[in-house]
Amino acid sequence: MAIDKPLTTFFGPGATQTATSITILKADLVSTRNPLGFVGLTAAANNTSESIIGAMFLRFNEQQDTSNDAQFAIFPQGTSIINEVSDGVSKPFTQYIFTVRILEPRLTETPNPNLI
């Protein structure tokens, strides 16, 4: 049976929501595992959107519902080393691969977050 965990499980003890807004503290986007499962976000006035979403994604991956009928699940698929051009120079990067699964009733044309 799917488990509905509270907002604070995924986004930290400072997470709150109202009918129109959600508040997530950057300092809460850290691993809760011991030893740490990932490097947490260092809160700064100029964090990039990608770093914030990345930290939220990693936190969710750690805290997600792992039951077989979870409607939203992230599955780590492994890592690989790739070369990408950055600043005009080919550099090696570690590529982390994840699969995201969203289960919804049949006949929905696109994912609907209200059905998760």
PDB file of N, CA and C in Angstrom:
ATOM      1  N   MET A   1       0.837  -1.180   0.000  1.00  0.00           N
ATOM      2  CA  MET A   1       0.000   0.000   0.000  1.00  0.00           C
ATOM      3  C   MET A   1       0.883   1.246   0.000  1.00  0.00           C
ATOM      4  N   ALA A   2       0.551   2.179  -0.847  1.00  0.00           N
ATOM      5  CA  ALA A   2       1.312   3.420  -0.926  1.00  0.00           C
ATOM      6  C   ALA A   2       1.252   4.161   0.407  1.00  0.00           C
ATOM      7  N   ILE A   3       2.340   4.827   0.735  1.00  0.00           N
ATOM      8  CA  ILE A   3       2.446   5.548   2.000  1.00  0.00           C
ATOM      9  C   ILE A   3       2.506   7.042   1.709  1.00  0.00           C
ATOM     10  N   ASP A   4       1.591   7.798   2.280  1.00  0.00           N
ATOM     11  CA  ASP A   4       1.620   9.246   2.138  1.00  0.00           C
ATOM     12  C   ASP A   4       2.424   9.822   3.288  1.00  0.00           C
ATOM     13  N   LYS A   5       3.650  10.238   3.000  1.00  0.00           N
ATOM     14  CA  LYS A   5       4.524  10.807   4.023  1.00  0.00           C
ATOM     15  C   LYS A   5       4.298  12.313   4.103  1.00  0.00           C
ATOM     16  N   PRO A   6       4.526  12.893   5.270  1.00  0.00           N
ATOM     17  CA  PRO A   6       4.337  14.344   5.397  1.00  0.00           C
ATOM     18  C   PRO A   6       5.388  15.123   4.602  1.00  0.00           C
ATOM     19  N   LEU A   7       5.050  16.344   4.268  1.00  0.00           N
ATOM     20  CA  LEU A   7       5.924  17.235   3.518  1.00  0.00           C
ATOM     21  C   LEU A   7       7.306  17.342   4.160  1.00  0.00           C
ATOM     22  N   THR A   8       7.356  17.383   5.486  1.00  0.00           N
ATOM     23  CA  THR A   8       8.632  17.544   6.183  1.00  0.00           C
ATOM     24  C   THR A   8       9.551  16.336   6.005  1.00  0.00           C
ATOM     25  N   THR A   9       9.000  15.166   5.717  1.00  0.00           N
ATOM     26  CA  THR A   9       9.841  13.996   5.470  1.00  0.00           C
ATOM     27  C   THR A   9      10.689  14.222   4.227  1.00  0.00           C
ATOM     28  N   PHE A  10      10.103  14.776   3.191  1.00  0.00           N
ATOM     29  CA  PHE A  10      10.810  14.979   1.941  1.00  0.00           C
ATOM     30  C   PHE A  10      11.654  16.235   1.923  1.00  0.00           C
ATOM     31  N   PHE A  11      11.174  17.300   2.518  1.00  0.00           N
ATOM     32  CA  PHE A  11      11.827  18.599   2.363  1.00  0.00           C
ATOM     33  C   PHE A  11      12.366  19.191   3.651  1.00  0.00           C
ATOM     34  N   GLY A  12      12.422  18.413   4.719  1.00  0.00           N
ATOM     35  CA  GLY A  12      13.028  18.867   5.957  1.00  0.00           C
ATOM     36  C   GLY A  12      12.043  19.460   6.939  1.00  0.00           C
ATOM     37  N   PRO A  13      12.490  19.602   8.189  1.00  0.00           N
ATOM     38  CA  PRO A  13      11.599  20.043   9.264  1.00  0.00           C
ATOM     39  C   PRO A  13      11.061  21.460   9.107  1.00  0.00           C
ATOM     40  N   GLY A  14      11.697  22.277   8.287  1.00  0.00           N
ATOM     41  CA  GLY A  14      11.225  23.649   8.091  1.00  0.00           C
ATOM     42  C   GLY A  14      10.233  23.805   6.962  1.00  0.00           C
ATOM     43  N   ALA A  15       9.882  22.710   6.287  1.00  0.00           N
ATOM     44  CA  ALA A  15       8.961  22.795   5.146  1.00  0.00           C
ATOM     45  C   ALA A  15       7.531  23.034   5.622  1.00  0.00           C
ATOM     46  N   THR A  16       6.861  23.969   4.976  1.00  0.00           N
ATOM     47  CA  THR A  16       5.461  24.272   5.295  1.00  0.00           C
ATOM     48  C   THR A  16       4.707  24.537   3.997  1.00  0.00           C
ATOM     49  N   GLN A  17       3.381  24.435   4.083  1.00  0.00           N
ATOM     50  CA  GLN A  17       2.564  24.798   2.930  1.00  0.00           C
ATOM     51  C   GLN A  17       1.243  25.391   3.388  1.00  0.00           C
ATOM     52  N   THR A  18       0.708  26.228   2.504  1.00  0.00           N
ATOM     53  CA  THR A  18      -0.625  26.778   2.679  1.00  0.00           C
ATOM     54  C   THR A  18      -1.395  26.405   1.422  1.00  0.00           C
ATOM     55  N   ALA A  19      -2.583  26.941   1.278  1.00  0.00           N
ATOM     56  CA  ALA A  19      -3.369  26.666   0.078  1.00  0.00           C
ATOM     57  C   ALA A  19      -2.716  27.235  -1.175  1.00  0.00           C
ATOM     58  N   THR A  20      -1.840  28.229  -1.031  1.00  0.00           N
ATOM     59  CA  THR A  20      -1.274  28.891  -2.205  1.00  0.00           C
ATOM     60  C   THR A  20       0.249  28.913  -2.279  1.00  0.00           C
ATOM     61  N   SER A  21       0.945  28.419  -1.249  1.00  0.00           N
ATOM     62  CA  SER A  21       2.408  28.492  -1.300  1.00  0.00           C
ATOM     63  C   SER A  21       3.042  27.311  -0.580  1.00  0.00           C
ATOM     64  N   ILE A  22       4.295  27.073  -0.929  1.00  0.00           N
ATOM     65  CA  ILE A  22       5.109  26.071  -0.258  1.00  0.00           C
ATOM     66  C   ILE A  22       6.421  26.744   0.119  1.00  0.00           C
ATOM     67  N   THR A  23       6.924  26.459   1.305  1.00  0.00           N
ATOM     68  CA  THR A  23       8.198  26.996   1.759  1.00  0.00           C
ATOM     69  C   THR A  23       9.113  25.835   2.099  1.00  0.00           C
ATOM     70  N   ILE A  24      10.279  25.827   1.477  1.00  0.00           N
ATOM     71  CA  ILE A  24      11.291  24.802   1.730  1.00  0.00           C
ATOM     72  C   ILE A  24      12.565  25.540   2.090  1.00  0.00           C
ATOM     73  N   LEU A  25      13.147  25.209   3.235  1.00  0.00           N
ATOM     74  CA  LEU A  25      14.386  25.855   3.645  1.00  0.00           C
ATOM     75  C   LEU A  25      15.566  25.185   2.945  1.00  0.00           C
ATOM     76  N   LYS A  26      16.415  25.979   2.325  1.00  0.00           N
ATOM     77  CA  LYS A  26      17.577  25.426   1.635  1.00  0.00           C
ATOM     78  C   LYS A  26      18.444  24.600   2.582  1.00  0.00           C
ATOM     79  N   ALA A  27      18.584  25.049   3.805  1.00  0.00           N
ATOM     80  CA  ALA A  27      19.431  24.348   4.778  1.00  0.00           C
ATOM     81  C   ALA A  27      18.890  22.955   5.114  1.00  0.00           C
ATOM     82  N   ASP A  28      17.618  22.692   4.841  1.00  0.00           N
ATOM     83  CA  ASP A  28      17.021  21.378   5.101  1.00  0.00           C
ATOM     84  C   ASP A  28      17.269  20.381   3.970  1.00  0.00           C
ATOM     85  N   LEU A  29      17.809  20.831   2.846  1.00  0.00           N
ATOM     86  CA  LEU A  29      18.005  19.943   1.698  1.00  0.00           C
ATOM     87  C   LEU A  29      19.336  19.208   1.838  1.00  0.00           C
ATOM     88  N   VAL A  30      19.392  18.364   2.870  1.00  0.00           N
ATOM     89  CA  VAL A  30      20.584  17.584   3.207  1.00  0.00           C
ATOM     90  C   VAL A  30      20.203  16.122   3.360  1.00  0.00           C
ATOM     91  N   SER A  31      21.195  15.271   3.305  1.00  0.00           N
ATOM     92  CA  SER A  31      20.977  13.842   3.515  1.00  0.00           C
ATOM     93  C   SER A  31      20.670  13.574   4.982  1.00  0.00           C
ATOM     94  N   THR A  32      19.784  12.624   5.228  1.00  0.00           N
ATOM     95  CA  THR A  32      19.459  12.239   6.609  1.00  0.00           C
ATOM     96  C   THR A  32      20.074  10.890   6.960  1.00  0.00           C
ATOM     97  N   ARG A  33      20.847  10.324   6.054  1.00  0.00           N
ATOM     98  CA  ARG A  33      21.469   9.020   6.297  1.00  0.00           C
ATOM     99  C   ARG A  33      22.780   9.180   7.060  1.00  0.00           C
ATOM    100  N   ASN A  34      23.171   8.097   7.709  1.00  0.00           N
ATOM    101  CA  ASN A  34      24.462   8.064   8.383  1.00  0.00           C
ATOM    102  C   ASN A  34      25.159   6.782   7.984  1.00  0.00           C
ATOM    103  N   PRO A  35      26.210   6.789   7.172  1.00  0.00           N
ATOM    104  CA  PRO A  35      26.869   7.978   6.635  1.00  0.00           C
ATOM    105  C   PRO A  35      25.996   8.672   5.598  1.00  0.00           C
ATOM    106  N   LEU A  36      26.348   9.901   5.290  1.00  0.00           N
ATOM    107  CA  LEU A  36      25.542  10.721   4.384  1.00  0.00           C
ATOM    108  C   LEU A  36      25.364  10.047   3.032  1.00  0.00           C
ATOM    109  N   GLY A  37      24.153  10.168   2.482  1.00  0.00           N
ATOM    110  CA  GLY A  37      23.857   9.604   1.180  1.00  0.00           C
ATOM    111  C   GLY A  37      24.227  10.535   0.036  1.00  0.00           C
ATOM    112  N   PHE A  38      24.266  11.841   0.295  1.00  0.00           N
ATOM    113  CA  PHE A  38      24.655  12.817  -0.722  1.00  0.00           C
ATOM    114  C   PHE A  38      25.115  14.081  -0.029  1.00  0.00           C
ATOM    115  N   VAL A  39      25.845  14.899  -0.748  1.00  0.00           N
ATOM    116  CA  VAL A  39      26.297  16.181  -0.218  1.00  0.00           C
ATOM    117  C   VAL A  39      25.112  17.134  -0.252  1.00  0.00           C
ATOM    118  N   GLY A  40      24.792  17.732   0.873  1.00  0.00           N
ATOM    119  CA  GLY A  40      23.654  18.640   0.937  1.00  0.00           C
ATOM    120  C   GLY A  40      23.922  19.963   0.257  1.00  0.00           C
ATOM    121  N   LEU A  41      22.847  20.674  -0.019  1.00  0.00           N
ATOM    122  CA  LEU A  41      22.931  21.990  -0.637  1.00  0.00           C
ATOM    123  C   LEU A  41      23.523  22.974   0.363  1.00  0.00           C
ATOM    124  N   THR A  42      24.509  23.748  -0.061  1.00  0.00           N
ATOM    125  CA  THR A  42      25.034  24.834   0.755  1.00  0.00           C
ATOM    126  C   THR A  42      24.184  26.058   0.455  1.00  0.00           C
ATOM    127  N   ALA A  43      23.408  26.491   1.423  1.00  0.00           N
ATOM    128  CA  ALA A  43      22.488  27.609   1.210  1.00  0.00           C
ATOM    129  C   ALA A  43      23.266  28.892   0.954  1.00  0.00           C
ATOM    130  N   ALA A  44      22.882  29.583  -0.117  1.00  0.00           N
ATOM    131  CA  ALA A  44      23.491  30.863  -0.473  1.00  0.00           C
ATOM    132  C   ALA A  44      22.425  31.725  -1.142  1.00  0.00           C
ATOM    133  N   ALA A  45      22.673  33.019  -1.192  1.00  0.00           N
ATOM    134  CA  ALA A  45      21.711  33.938  -1.801  1.00  0.00           C
ATOM    135  C   ALA A  45      21.592  33.724  -3.305  1.00  0.00           C
ATOM    136  N   ASN A  46      22.581  33.049  -3.916  1.00  0.00           N
ATOM    137  CA  ASN A  46      22.578  32.903  -5.370  1.00  0.00           C
ATOM    138  C   ASN A  46      22.657  31.445  -5.828  1.00  0.00           C
ATOM    139  N   ASN A  47      22.058  30.511  -5.079  1.00  0.00           N
ATOM    140  CA  ASN A  47      22.018  29.117  -5.546  1.00  0.00           C
ATOM    141  C   ASN A  47      21.318  29.068  -6.902  1.00  0.00           C
ATOM    142  N   THR A  48      21.817  28.216  -7.792  1.00  0.00           N
ATOM    143  CA  THR A  48      21.171  28.082  -9.098  1.00  0.00           C
ATOM    144  C   THR A  48      19.897  27.264  -8.961  1.00  0.00           C
ATOM    145  N   SER A  49      18.994  27.458  -9.901  1.00  0.00           N
ATOM    146  CA  SER A  49      17.760  26.667  -9.928  1.00  0.00           C
ATOM    147  C   SER A  49      18.090  25.189 -10.014  1.00  0.00           C
ATOM    148  N   GLU A  50      19.103  24.849 -10.838  1.00  0.00           N
ATOM    149  CA  GLU A  50      19.493  23.451 -11.011  1.00  0.00           C
ATOM    150  C   GLU A  50      20.008  22.846  -9.709  1.00  0.00           C
ATOM    151  N   SER A  51      20.798  23.606  -8.927  1.00  0.00           N
ATOM    152  CA  SER A  51      21.318  23.062  -7.674  1.00  0.00           C
ATOM    153  C   SER A  51      20.198  22.844  -6.662  1.00  0.00           C
ATOM    154  N   ILE A  52      19.217  23.726  -6.647  1.00  0.00           N
ATOM    155  CA  ILE A  52      18.088  23.578  -5.719  1.00  0.00           C
ATOM    156  C   ILE A  52      17.239  22.373  -6.115  1.00  0.00           C
ATOM    157  N   ILE A  53      16.895  22.253  -7.392  1.00  0.00           N
ATOM    158  CA  ILE A  53      16.107  21.111  -7.857  1.00  0.00           C
ATOM    159  C   ILE A  53      16.898  19.817  -7.644  1.00  0.00           C
ATOM    160  N   GLY A  54      18.206  19.850  -7.911  1.00  0.00           N
ATOM    161  CA  GLY A  54      19.041  18.666  -7.697  1.00  0.00           C
ATOM    162  C   GLY A  54      19.025  18.211  -6.252  1.00  0.00           C
ATOM    163  N   ALA A  55      19.138  19.147  -5.317  1.00  0.00           N
ATOM    164  CA  ALA A  55      19.099  18.803  -3.898  1.00  0.00           C
ATOM    165  C   ALA A  55      17.729  18.268  -3.496  1.00  0.00           C
ATOM    166  N   MET A  56      16.661  18.861  -4.037  1.00  0.00           N
ATOM    167  CA  MET A  56      15.314  18.369  -3.752  1.00  0.00           C
ATOM    168  C   MET A  56      15.144  16.948  -4.298  1.00  0.00           C
ATOM    169  N   PHE A  57      15.635  16.705  -5.497  1.00  0.00           N
ATOM    170  CA  PHE A  57      15.553  15.397  -6.140  1.00  0.00           C
ATOM    171  C   PHE A  57      16.285  14.350  -5.293  1.00  0.00           C
ATOM    172  N   LEU A  58      17.511  14.670  -4.854  1.00  0.00           N
ATOM    173  CA  LEU A  58      18.291  13.721  -4.060  1.00  0.00           C
ATOM    174  C   LEU A  58      17.648  13.464  -2.697  1.00  0.00           C
ATOM    175  N   ARG A  59      17.096  14.500  -2.093  1.00  0.00           N
ATOM    176  CA  ARG A  59      16.408  14.341  -0.800  1.00  0.00           C
ATOM    177  C   ARG A  59      15.178  13.452  -0.992  1.00  0.00           C
ATOM    178  N   PHE A  60      14.418  13.687  -2.043  1.00  0.00           N
ATOM    179  CA  PHE A  60      13.241  12.859  -2.310  1.00  0.00           C
ATOM    180  C   PHE A  60      13.651  11.410  -2.559  1.00  0.00           C
ATOM    181  N   ASN A  61      14.715  11.210  -3.321  1.00  0.00           N
ATOM    182  CA  ASN A  61      15.187   9.858  -3.602  1.00  0.00           C
ATOM    183  C   ASN A  61      15.485   9.107  -2.307  1.00  0.00           C
ATOM    184  N   GLU A  62      16.051   9.795  -1.332  1.00  0.00           N
ATOM    185  CA  GLU A  62      16.365   9.171  -0.039  1.00  0.00           C
ATOM    186  C   GLU A  62      15.120   8.859   0.783  1.00  0.00           C
ATOM    187  N   GLN A  63      14.122   9.699   0.707  1.00  0.00           N
ATOM    188  CA  GLN A  63      12.965   9.611   1.601  1.00  0.00           C
ATOM    189  C   GLN A  63      11.718   9.013   0.959  1.00  0.00           C
ATOM    190  N   GLN A  64      11.783   8.655  -0.298  1.00  0.00           N
ATOM    191  CA  GLN A  64      10.588   8.256  -1.037  1.00  0.00           C
ATOM    192  C   GLN A  64       9.916   7.002  -0.494  1.00  0.00           C
ATOM    193  N   ASP A  65       8.660   6.872  -0.843  1.00  0.00           N
ATOM    194  CA  ASP A  65       7.867   5.675  -0.564  1.00  0.00           C
ATOM    195  C   ASP A  65       8.429   4.558  -1.436  1.00  0.00           C
ATOM    196  N   THR A  66       8.836   3.461  -0.826  1.00  0.00           N
ATOM    197  CA  THR A  66       9.432   2.358  -1.576  1.00  0.00           C
ATOM    198  C   THR A  66       8.471   1.178  -1.741  1.00  0.00           C
ATOM    199  N   SER A  67       7.201   1.391  -1.425  1.00  0.00           N
ATOM    200  CA  SER A  67       6.234   0.314  -1.626  1.00  0.00           C
ATOM    201  C   SER A  67       6.027   0.083  -3.128  1.00  0.00           C
ATOM    202  N   ASN A  68       5.615  -1.120  -3.494  1.00  0.00           N
ATOM    203  CA  ASN A  68       5.459  -1.481  -4.911  1.00  0.00           C
ATOM    204  C   ASN A  68       4.430  -0.631  -5.642  1.00  0.00           C
ATOM    205  N   ASP A  69       3.449  -0.094  -4.922  1.00  0.00           N
ATOM    206  CA  ASP A  69       2.410   0.692  -5.582  1.00  0.00           C
ATOM    207  C   ASP A  69       2.580   2.202  -5.397  1.00  0.00           C
ATOM    208  N   ALA A  70       3.789   2.636  -5.067  1.00  0.00           N
ATOM    209  CA  ALA A  70       4.051   4.073  -4.960  1.00  0.00           C
ATOM    210  C   ALA A  70       3.775   4.715  -6.317  1.00  0.00           C
ATOM    211  N   GLN A  71       3.061   5.832  -6.317  1.00  0.00           N
ATOM    212  CA  GLN A  71       2.692   6.475  -7.577  1.00  0.00           C
ATOM    213  C   GLN A  71       3.812   7.317  -8.166  1.00  0.00           C
ATOM    214  N   PHE A  72       4.766   7.706  -7.352  1.00  0.00           N
ATOM    215  CA  PHE A  72       5.915   8.484  -7.826  1.00  0.00           C
ATOM    216  C   PHE A  72       7.155   7.831  -7.245  1.00  0.00           C
ATOM    217  N   ALA A  73       8.061   7.403  -8.102  1.00  0.00           N
ATOM    218  CA  ALA A  73       9.257   6.723  -7.626  1.00  0.00           C
ATOM    219  C   ALA A  73      10.458   7.102  -8.477  1.00  0.00           C
ATOM    220  N   ILE A  74      11.609   7.156  -7.831  1.00  0.00           N
ATOM    221  CA  ILE A  74      12.877   7.426  -8.493  1.00  0.00           C
ATOM    222  C   ILE A  74      13.739   6.185  -8.329  1.00  0.00           C
ATOM    223  N   PHE A  75      14.299   5.703  -9.439  1.00  0.00           N
ATOM    224  CA  PHE A  75      15.132   4.506  -9.418  1.00  0.00           C
ATOM    225  C   PHE A  75      16.537   4.857  -9.906  1.00  0.00           C
ATOM    226  N   PRO A  76      17.542   4.810  -9.028  1.00  0.00           N
ATOM    227  CA  PRO A  76      18.911   5.031  -9.488  1.00  0.00           C
ATOM    228  C   PRO A  76      19.308   3.922 -10.460  1.00  0.00           C
ATOM    229  N   GLN A  77      19.898   4.301 -11.585  1.00  0.00           N
ATOM    230  CA  GLN A  77      20.273   3.332 -12.604  1.00  0.00           C
ATOM    231  C   GLN A  77      21.780   3.158 -12.725  1.00  0.00           C
ATOM    232  N   GLY A  78      22.546   3.933 -11.978  1.00  0.00           N
ATOM    233  CA  GLY A  78      23.989   3.790 -12.024  1.00  0.00           C
ATOM    234  C   GLY A  78      24.691   5.059 -12.453  1.00  0.00           C
ATOM    235  N   THR A  79      25.984   4.927 -12.662  1.00  0.00           N
ATOM    236  CA  THR A  79      26.805   6.062 -13.067  1.00  0.00           C
ATOM    237  C   THR A  79      27.696   5.646 -14.231  1.00  0.00           C
ATOM    238  N   SER A  80      28.182   6.636 -14.934  1.00  0.00           N
ATOM    239  CA  SER A  80      29.158   6.392 -15.987  1.00  0.00           C
ATOM    240  C   SER A  80      30.027   7.634 -16.112  1.00  0.00           C
ATOM    241  N   ILE A  81      31.193   7.460 -16.691  1.00  0.00           N
ATOM    242  CA  ILE A  81      32.095   8.582 -16.952  1.00  0.00           C
ATOM    243  C   ILE A  81      31.911   8.979 -18.413  1.00  0.00           C
ATOM    244  N   ILE A  82      31.673  10.251 -18.646  1.00  0.00           N
ATOM    245  CA  ILE A  82      31.504  10.753 -20.011  1.00  0.00           C
ATOM    246  C   ILE A  82      32.394  11.976 -20.196  1.00  0.00           C
ATOM    247  N   ASN A  83      32.688  12.304 -21.418  1.00  0.00           N
ATOM    248  CA  ASN A  83      33.416  13.531 -21.742  1.00  0.00           C
ATOM    249  C   ASN A  83      32.436  14.509 -22.365  1.00  0.00           C
ATOM    250  N   GLU A  84      32.412  15.700 -21.828  1.00  0.00           N
ATOM    251  CA  GLU A  84      31.555  16.764 -22.343  1.00  0.00           C
ATOM    252  C   GLU A  84      32.405  18.002 -22.565  1.00  0.00           C
ATOM    253  N   VAL A  85      32.003  18.812 -23.509  1.00  0.00           N
ATOM    254  CA  VAL A  85      32.710  20.062 -23.757  1.00  0.00           C
ATOM    255  C   VAL A  85      32.164  21.115 -22.801  1.00  0.00           C
ATOM    256  N   SER A  86      33.053  21.698 -22.012  1.00  0.00           N
ATOM    257  CA  SER A  86      32.704  22.753 -21.067  1.00  0.00           C
ATOM    258  C   SER A  86      33.714  23.880 -21.245  1.00  0.00           C
ATOM    259  N   ASP A  87      33.244  25.079 -21.505  1.00  0.00           N
ATOM    260  CA  ASP A  87      34.128  26.227 -21.758  1.00  0.00           C
ATOM    261  C   ASP A  87      35.088  25.951 -22.908  1.00  0.00           C
ATOM    262  N   GLY A  88      34.614  25.227 -23.922  1.00  0.00           N
ATOM    263  CA  GLY A  88      35.420  24.948 -25.105  1.00  0.00           C
ATOM    264  C   GLY A  88      36.442  23.832 -24.948  1.00  0.00           C
ATOM    265  N   VAL A  89      36.443  23.162 -23.794  1.00  0.00           N
ATOM    266  CA  VAL A  89      37.412  22.097 -23.535  1.00  0.00           C
ATOM    267  C   VAL A  89      36.671  20.817 -23.168  1.00  0.00           C
ATOM    268  N   SER A  90      37.113  19.700 -23.744  1.00  0.00           N
ATOM    269  CA  SER A  90      36.519  18.402 -23.401  1.00  0.00           C
ATOM    270  C   SER A  90      37.002  17.993 -22.019  1.00  0.00           C
ATOM    271  N   LYS A  91      36.052  17.718 -21.114  1.00  0.00           N
ATOM    272  CA  LYS A  91      36.387  17.371 -19.731  1.00  0.00           C
ATOM    273  C   LYS A  91      35.608  16.132 -19.322  1.00  0.00           C
ATOM    274  N   PRO A  92      36.198  15.314 -18.429  1.00  0.00           N
ATOM    275  CA  PRO A  92      35.465  14.145 -17.936  1.00  0.00           C
ATOM    276  C   PRO A  92      34.463  14.548 -16.850  1.00  0.00           C
ATOM    277  N   PHE A  93      33.279  13.950 -16.892  1.00  0.00           N
ATOM    278  CA  PHE A  93      32.240  14.170 -15.896  1.00  0.00           C
ATOM    279  C   PHE A  93      31.689  12.824 -15.456  1.00  0.00           C
ATOM    280  N   THR A  94      31.208  12.756 -14.230  1.00  0.00           N
ATOM    281  CA  THR A  94      30.453  11.586 -13.799  1.00  0.00           C
ATOM    282  C   THR A  94      28.993  11.861 -14.112  1.00  0.00           C
ATOM    283  N   GLN A  95      28.364  10.932 -14.798  1.00  0.00           N
ATOM    284  CA  GLN A  95      26.948  11.046 -15.157  1.00  0.00           C
ATOM    285  C   GLN A  95      26.155  10.116 -14.242  1.00  0.00           C
ATOM    286  N   TYR A  96      25.229  10.680 -13.480  1.00  0.00           N
ATOM    287  CA  TYR A  96      24.350   9.906 -12.598  1.00  0.00           C
ATOM    288  C   TYR A  96      23.030   9.712 -13.328  1.00  0.00           C
ATOM    289  N   ILE A  97      22.587   8.492 -13.438  1.00  0.00           N
ATOM    290  CA  ILE A  97      21.392   8.193 -14.221  1.00  0.00           C
ATOM    291  C   ILE A  97      20.281   7.708 -13.292  1.00  0.00           C
ATOM    292  N   PHE A  98      19.103   8.315 -13.425  1.00  0.00           N
ATOM    293  CA  PHE A  98      17.930   7.945 -12.651  1.00  0.00           C
ATOM    294  C   PHE A  98      16.753   7.751 -13.597  1.00  0.00           C
ATOM    295  N   THR A  99      15.835   6.894 -13.223  1.00  0.00           N
ATOM    296  CA  THR A  99      14.566   6.761 -13.921  1.00  0.00           C
ATOM    297  C   THR A  99      13.479   7.226 -12.967  1.00  0.00           C
ATOM    298  N   VAL A 100      12.566   8.043 -13.462  1.00  0.00           N
ATOM    299  CA  VAL A 100      11.428   8.506 -12.667  1.00  0.00           C
ATOM    300  C   VAL A 100      10.182   7.809 -13.187  1.00  0.00           C
ATOM    301  N   ARG A 101       9.403   7.230 -12.265  1.00  0.00           N
ATOM    302  CA  ARG A 101       8.154   6.559 -12.649  1.00  0.00           C
ATOM    303  C   ARG A 101       6.982   7.301 -12.002  1.00  0.00           C
ATOM    304  N   ILE A 102       5.969   7.583 -12.813  1.00  0.00           N
ATOM    305  CA  ILE A 102       4.725   8.180 -12.331  1.00  0.00           C
ATOM    306  C   ILE A 102       3.596   7.244 -12.738  1.00  0.00           C
ATOM    307  N   LEU A 103       2.848   6.740 -11.760  1.00  0.00           N
ATOM    308  CA  LEU A 103       1.706   5.870 -12.028  1.00  0.00           C
ATOM    309  C   LEU A 103       0.424   6.673 -11.911  1.00  0.00           C
ATOM    310  N   GLU A 104      -0.408   6.615 -12.958  1.00  0.00           N
ATOM    311  CA  GLU A 104      -1.691   7.308 -12.950  1.00  0.00           C
ATOM    312  C   GLU A 104      -2.733   6.429 -13.613  1.00  0.00           C
ATOM    313  N   PRO A 105      -3.994   6.714 -13.359  1.00  0.00           N
ATOM    314  CA  PRO A 105      -5.053   5.940 -14.015  1.00  0.00           C
ATOM    315  C   PRO A 105      -4.924   6.022 -15.530  1.00  0.00           C
ATOM    316  N   ARG A 106      -5.360   4.976 -16.197  1.00  0.00           N
ATOM    317  CA  ARG A 106      -5.289   4.957 -17.666  1.00  0.00           C
ATOM    318  C   ARG A 106      -6.072   6.106 -18.276  1.00  0.00           C
ATOM    319  N   LEU A 107      -5.704   6.426 -19.477  1.00  0.00           N
ATOM    320  CA  LEU A 107      -6.365   7.430 -20.306  1.00  0.00           C
ATOM    321  C   LEU A 107      -6.019   8.871 -19.939  1.00  0.00           C
ATOM    322  N   THR A 108      -5.010   9.079 -19.094  1.00  0.00           N
ATOM    323  CA  THR A 108      -4.522  10.442 -18.904  1.00  0.00           C
ATOM    324  C   THR A 108      -3.493  10.706 -19.987  1.00  0.00           C
ATOM    325  N   GLU A 109      -3.578  11.849 -20.630  1.00  0.00           N
ATOM    326  CA  GLU A 109      -2.689  12.137 -21.755  1.00  0.00           C
ATOM    327  C   GLU A 109      -1.327  12.622 -21.315  1.00  0.00           C
ATOM    328  N   THR A 110      -1.240  13.309 -20.206  1.00  0.00           N
ATOM    329  CA  THR A 110       0.023  13.771 -19.636  1.00  0.00           C
ATOM    330  C   THR A 110      -0.034  13.569 -18.131  1.00  0.00           C
ATOM    331  N   PRO A 111       1.110  13.515 -17.471  1.00  0.00           N
ATOM    332  CA  PRO A 111       1.073  13.358 -16.009  1.00  0.00           C
ATOM    333  C   PRO A 111       0.311  14.500 -15.344  1.00  0.00           C
ATOM    334  N   ASN A 112      -0.519  14.149 -14.388  1.00  0.00           N
ATOM    335  CA  ASN A 112      -1.304  15.132 -13.638  1.00  0.00           C
ATOM    336  C   ASN A 112      -0.895  15.023 -12.179  1.00  0.00           C
ATOM    337  N   PRO A 113      -0.195  16.031 -11.641  1.00  0.00           N
ATOM    338  CA  PRO A 113       0.268  15.942 -10.249  1.00  0.00           C
ATOM    339  C   PRO A 113      -0.872  15.813  -9.239  1.00  0.00           C
ATOM    340  N   ASN A 114      -2.075  16.198  -9.608  1.00  0.00           N
ATOM    341  CA  ASN A 114      -3.207  16.082  -8.693  1.00  0.00           C
ATOM    342  C   ASN A 114      -3.634  14.635  -8.498  1.00  0.00           C
ATOM    343  N   LEU A 115      -3.192  13.736  -9.385  1.00  0.00           N
ATOM    344  CA  LEU A 115      -3.558  12.335  -9.282  1.00  0.00           C
ATOM    345  C   LEU A 115      -2.503  11.484  -8.573  1.00  0.00           C
ATOM    346  N   ILE A 116      -1.390  12.092  -8.225  1.00  0.00           N
ATOM    347  CA  ILE A 116      -0.302  11.361  -7.551  1.00  0.00           C
ATOM    348  C   ILE A 116      -0.584  11.336  -6.056  1.00  0.00           C
TER     349      ILE A 116
END
